[in-house]
PDB file of N, CA and C in Angstrom:
ATOM      1  N   MET A   1      13.077  39.205  -5.577  1.00  0.00           N
ATOM      2  CA  MET A   1      11.720  38.749  -5.830  1.00  0.00           C
ATOM      3  C   MET A   1      11.754  37.654  -6.893  1.00  0.00           C
ATOM      4  N   LEU A   2      10.911  36.653  -6.723  1.00  0.00           N
ATOM      5  CA  LEU A   2      10.892  35.535  -7.667  1.00  0.00           C
ATOM      6  C   LEU A   2      10.096  35.880  -8.914  1.00  0.00           C
ATOM      7  N   ASP A   3      10.626  35.459 -10.035  1.00  0.00           N
ATOM      8  CA  ASP A   3       9.912  35.574 -11.301  1.00  0.00           C
ATOM      9  C   ASP A   3       9.322  34.192 -11.595  1.00  0.00           C
ATOM     10  N   PHE A   4       8.059  34.005 -11.263  1.00  0.00           N
ATOM     11  CA  PHE A   4       7.435  32.694 -11.373  1.00  0.00           C
ATOM     12  C   PHE A   4       7.412  32.175 -12.801  1.00  0.00           C
ATOM     13  N   GLU A   5       7.229  33.034 -13.758  1.00  0.00           N
ATOM     14  CA  GLU A   5       7.221  32.597 -15.153  1.00  0.00           C
ATOM     15  C   GLU A   5       8.582  32.020 -15.535  1.00  0.00           C
ATOM     16  N   GLU A   6       9.647  32.672 -15.106  1.00  0.00           N
ATOM     17  CA  GLU A   6      11.000  32.191 -15.389  1.00  0.00           C
ATOM     18  C   GLU A   6      11.264  30.870 -14.662  1.00  0.00           C
ATOM     19  N   GLU A   7      10.800  30.756 -13.425  1.00  0.00           N
ATOM     20  CA  GLU A   7      10.978  29.525 -12.667  1.00  0.00           C
ATOM     21  C   GLU A   7      10.239  28.367 -13.334  1.00  0.00           C
ATOM     22  N   LEU A   8       9.042  28.612 -13.830  1.00  0.00           N
ATOM     23  CA  LEU A   8       8.283  27.571 -14.516  1.00  0.00           C
ATOM     24  C   LEU A   8       8.971  27.113 -15.795  1.00  0.00           C
ATOM     25  N   LYS A   9       9.603  28.019 -16.500  1.00  0.00           N
ATOM     26  CA  LYS A   9      10.330  27.666 -17.722  1.00  0.00           C
ATOM     27  C   LYS A   9      11.489  26.726 -17.408  1.00  0.00           C
ATOM     28  N   ARG A  10      12.136  26.918 -16.258  1.00  0.00           N
ATOM     29  CA  ARG A  10      13.299  26.110 -15.896  1.00  0.00           C
ATOM     30  C   ARG A  10      12.926  24.814 -15.173  1.00  0.00           C
ATOM     31  N   PHE A  11      11.677  24.659 -14.817  1.00  0.00           N
ATOM     32  CA  PHE A  11      11.245  23.493 -14.044  1.00  0.00           C
ATOM     33  C   PHE A  11      11.397  22.214 -14.852  1.00  0.00           C
ATOM     34  N   ARG A  12      12.007  21.214 -14.236  1.00  0.00           N
ATOM     35  CA  ARG A  12      12.118  19.872 -14.809  1.00  0.00           C
ATOM     36  C   ARG A  12      11.697  18.892 -13.720  1.00  0.00           C
ATOM     37  N   PRO A  13      10.646  18.106 -13.949  1.00  0.00           N
ATOM     38  CA  PRO A  13      10.214  17.166 -12.918  1.00  0.00           C
ATOM     39  C   PRO A  13      11.266  16.087 -12.665  1.00  0.00           C
ATOM     40  N   SER A  14      11.335  15.648 -11.446  1.00  0.00           N
ATOM     41  CA  SER A  14      12.275  14.599 -11.069  1.00  0.00           C
ATOM     42  C   SER A  14      11.818  13.271 -11.672  1.00  0.00           C
ATOM     43  N   PRO A  15      12.722  12.520 -12.300  1.00  0.00           N
ATOM     44  CA  PRO A  15      12.327  11.220 -12.882  1.00  0.00           C
ATOM     45  C   PRO A  15      11.806  10.242 -11.833  1.00  0.00           C
ATOM     46  N   GLU A  16      12.290  10.361 -10.598  1.00  0.00           N
ATOM     47  CA  GLU A  16      11.840   9.447  -9.556  1.00  0.00           C
ATOM     48  C   GLU A  16      10.352   9.613  -9.257  1.00  0.00           C
ATOM     49  N   ILE A  17       9.850  10.824  -9.412  1.00  0.00           N
ATOM     50  CA  ILE A  17       8.428  11.077  -9.141  1.00  0.00           C
ATOM     51  C   ILE A  17       7.559  10.253 -10.090  1.00  0.00           C
ATOM     52  N   GLY A  18       7.922  10.217 -11.342  1.00  0.00           N
ATOM     53  CA  GLY A  18       7.167   9.418 -12.314  1.00  0.00           C
ATOM     54  C   GLY A  18       7.173   7.948 -11.951  1.00  0.00           C
ATOM     55  N   ASN A  19       8.316   7.449 -11.495  1.00  0.00           N
ATOM     56  CA  ASN A  19       8.408   6.044 -11.098  1.00  0.00           C
ATOM     57  C   ASN A  19       7.530   5.757  -9.895  1.00  0.00           C
ATOM     58  N   VAL A  20       7.515   6.657  -8.946  1.00  0.00           N
ATOM     59  CA  VAL A  20       6.700   6.477  -7.751  1.00  0.00           C
ATOM     60  C   VAL A  20       5.220   6.521  -8.115  1.00  0.00           C
ATOM     61  N   GLU A  21       4.848   7.454  -8.968  1.00  0.00           N
ATOM     62  CA  GLU A  21       3.447   7.550  -9.389  1.00  0.00           C
ATOM     63  C   GLU A  21       2.996   6.257 -10.051  1.00  0.00           C
ATOM     64  N   ASP A  22       3.834   5.679 -10.908  1.00  0.00           N
ATOM     65  CA  ASP A  22       3.486   4.417 -11.564  1.00  0.00           C
ATOM     66  C   ASP A  22       3.337   3.287 -10.564  1.00  0.00           C
ATOM     67  N   ALA A  23       4.254   3.212  -9.599  1.00  0.00           N
ATOM     68  CA  ALA A  23       4.208   2.146  -8.604  1.00  0.00           C
ATOM     69  C   ALA A  23       2.963   2.259  -7.731  1.00  0.00           C
ATOM     70  N   ILE A  24       2.644   3.465  -7.308  1.00  0.00           N
ATOM     71  CA  ILE A  24       1.464   3.667  -6.462  1.00  0.00           C
ATOM     72  C   ILE A  24       0.191   3.399  -7.253  1.00  0.00           C
ATOM     73  N   GLY A  25       0.164   3.845  -8.485  1.00  0.00           N
ATOM     74  CA  GLY A  25      -1.030   3.656  -9.316  1.00  0.00           C
ATOM     75  C   GLY A  25      -1.359   2.199  -9.574  1.00  0.00           C
ATOM     76  N   LYS A  26      -0.354   1.341  -9.578  1.00  0.00           N
ATOM     77  CA  LYS A  26      -0.562  -0.079  -9.853  1.00  0.00           C
ATOM     78  C   LYS A  26      -0.967  -0.862  -8.612  1.00  0.00           C
ATOM     79  N   GLU A  27      -0.795  -0.291  -7.441  1.00  0.00           N
ATOM     80  CA  GLU A  27      -1.119  -0.973  -6.188  1.00  0.00           C
ATOM     81  C   GLU A  27      -2.614  -0.857  -5.895  1.00  0.00           C
ATOM     82  N   ASP A  28      -3.145  -1.903  -5.309  1.00  0.00           N
ATOM     83  CA  ASP A  28      -4.534  -1.894  -4.853  1.00  0.00           C
ATOM     84  C   ASP A  28      -4.503  -1.566  -3.365  1.00  0.00           C
ATOM     85  N   LEU A  29      -4.622  -0.289  -3.054  1.00  0.00           N
ATOM     86  CA  LEU A  29      -4.488   0.152  -1.674  1.00  0.00           C
ATOM     87  C   LEU A  29      -5.854   0.281  -1.004  1.00  0.00           C
ATOM     88  N   THR A  30      -5.944  -0.231   0.201  1.00  0.00           N
ATOM     89  CA  THR A  30      -7.158  -0.082   0.993  1.00  0.00           C
ATOM     90  C   THR A  30      -7.021   1.197   1.801  1.00  0.00           C
ATOM     91  N   ASP A  31      -8.011   2.069   1.666  1.00  0.00           N
ATOM     92  CA  ASP A  31      -7.943   3.308   2.433  1.00  0.00           C
ATOM     93  C   ASP A  31      -8.909   3.233   3.617  1.00  0.00           C
ATOM     94  N   MET A  32      -8.946   4.288   4.375  1.00  0.00           N
ATOM     95  CA  MET A  32      -9.754   4.323   5.589  1.00  0.00           C
ATOM     96  C   MET A  32     -11.239   4.135   5.271  1.00  0.00           C
ATOM     97  N   THR A  33     -11.708   4.685   4.175  1.00  0.00           N
ATOM     98  CA  THR A  33     -13.118   4.536   3.801  1.00  0.00           C
ATOM     99  C   THR A  33     -13.452   3.073   3.550  1.00  0.00           C
ATOM    100  N   ASP A  34     -12.566   2.362   2.843  1.00  0.00           N
ATOM    101  CA  ASP A  34     -12.794   0.937   2.588  1.00  0.00           C
ATOM    102  C   ASP A  34     -12.877   0.157   3.894  1.00  0.00           C
ATOM    103  N   LEU A  35     -12.001   0.491   4.830  1.00  0.00           N
ATOM    104  CA  LEU A  35     -12.014  -0.201   6.117  1.00  0.00           C
ATOM    105  C   LEU A  35     -13.303   0.067   6.889  1.00  0.00           C
ATOM    106  N   MET A  36     -13.759   1.300   6.884  1.00  0.00           N
ATOM    107  CA  MET A  36     -14.986   1.649   7.598  1.00  0.00           C
ATOM    108  C   MET A  36     -16.204   0.947   6.987  1.00  0.00           C
ATOM    109  N   VAL A  37     -16.271   0.907   5.667  1.00  0.00           N
ATOM    110  CA  VAL A  37     -17.389   0.228   5.001  1.00  0.00           C
ATOM    111  C   VAL A  37     -17.370  -1.257   5.353  1.00  0.00           C
ATOM    112  N   GLU A  38     -16.196  -1.865   5.347  1.00  0.00           N
ATOM    113  CA  GLU A  38     -16.084  -3.277   5.693  1.00  0.00           C
ATOM    114  C   GLU A  38     -16.532  -3.528   7.129  1.00  0.00           C
ATOM    115  N   LEU A  39     -16.103  -2.677   8.053  1.00  0.00           N
ATOM    116  CA  LEU A  39     -16.513  -2.833   9.451  1.00  0.00           C
ATOM    117  C   LEU A  39     -18.020  -2.673   9.623  1.00  0.00           C
ATOM    118  N   LEU A  40     -18.597  -1.691   8.947  1.00  0.00           N
ATOM    119  CA  LEU A  40     -20.045  -1.487   9.042  1.00  0.00           C
ATOM    120  C   LEU A  40     -20.813  -2.669   8.463  1.00  0.00           C
ATOM    121  N   ASN A  41     -20.344  -3.208   7.379  1.00  0.00           N
ATOM    122  CA  ASN A  41     -20.995  -4.375   6.774  1.00  0.00           C
ATOM    123  C   ASN A  41     -20.915  -5.587   7.696  1.00  0.00           C
ATOM    124  N   GLU A  42     -19.776  -5.769   8.344  1.00  0.00           N
ATOM    125  CA  GLU A  42     -19.634  -6.881   9.290  1.00  0.00           C
ATOM    126  C   GLU A  42     -20.571  -6.705  10.477  1.00  0.00           C
ATOM    127  N   LYS A  43     -20.708  -5.484  10.959  1.00  0.00           N
ATOM    128  CA  LYS A  43     -21.573  -5.221  12.105  1.00  0.00           C
ATOM    129  C   LYS A  43     -23.028  -5.485  11.753  1.00  0.00           C
ATOM    130  N   ARG A  44     -23.445  -5.129  10.546  1.00  0.00           N
ATOM    131  CA  ARG A  44     -24.827  -5.353  10.110  1.00  0.00           C
ATOM    132  C   ARG A  44     -25.145  -6.842   9.999  1.00  0.00           C
ATOM    133  N   GLN A  45     -24.156  -7.649   9.690  1.00  0.00           N
ATOM    134  CA  GLN A  45     -24.367  -9.081   9.522  1.00  0.00           C
ATOM    135  C   GLN A  45     -24.503  -9.801  10.859  1.00  0.00           C
ATOM    136  N   LEU A  46     -24.084  -9.174  11.947  1.00  0.00           N
ATOM    137  CA  LEU A  46     -24.157  -9.818  13.276  1.00  0.00           C
ATOM    138  C   LEU A  46     -25.524  -9.786  13.858  1.00  0.00           C
TER     139      LEU A  46
END
């Protein structure tokens, strides 16, 4: 059986995760909601 408290004590985050988080956070990503709003705005202008 796992001892979750002991596992948490030994947990060390991977350094690569921090690098990825920084890279993603700095990007200006367009998501599906942005695309839908843009399409709806274009349709209203027609």
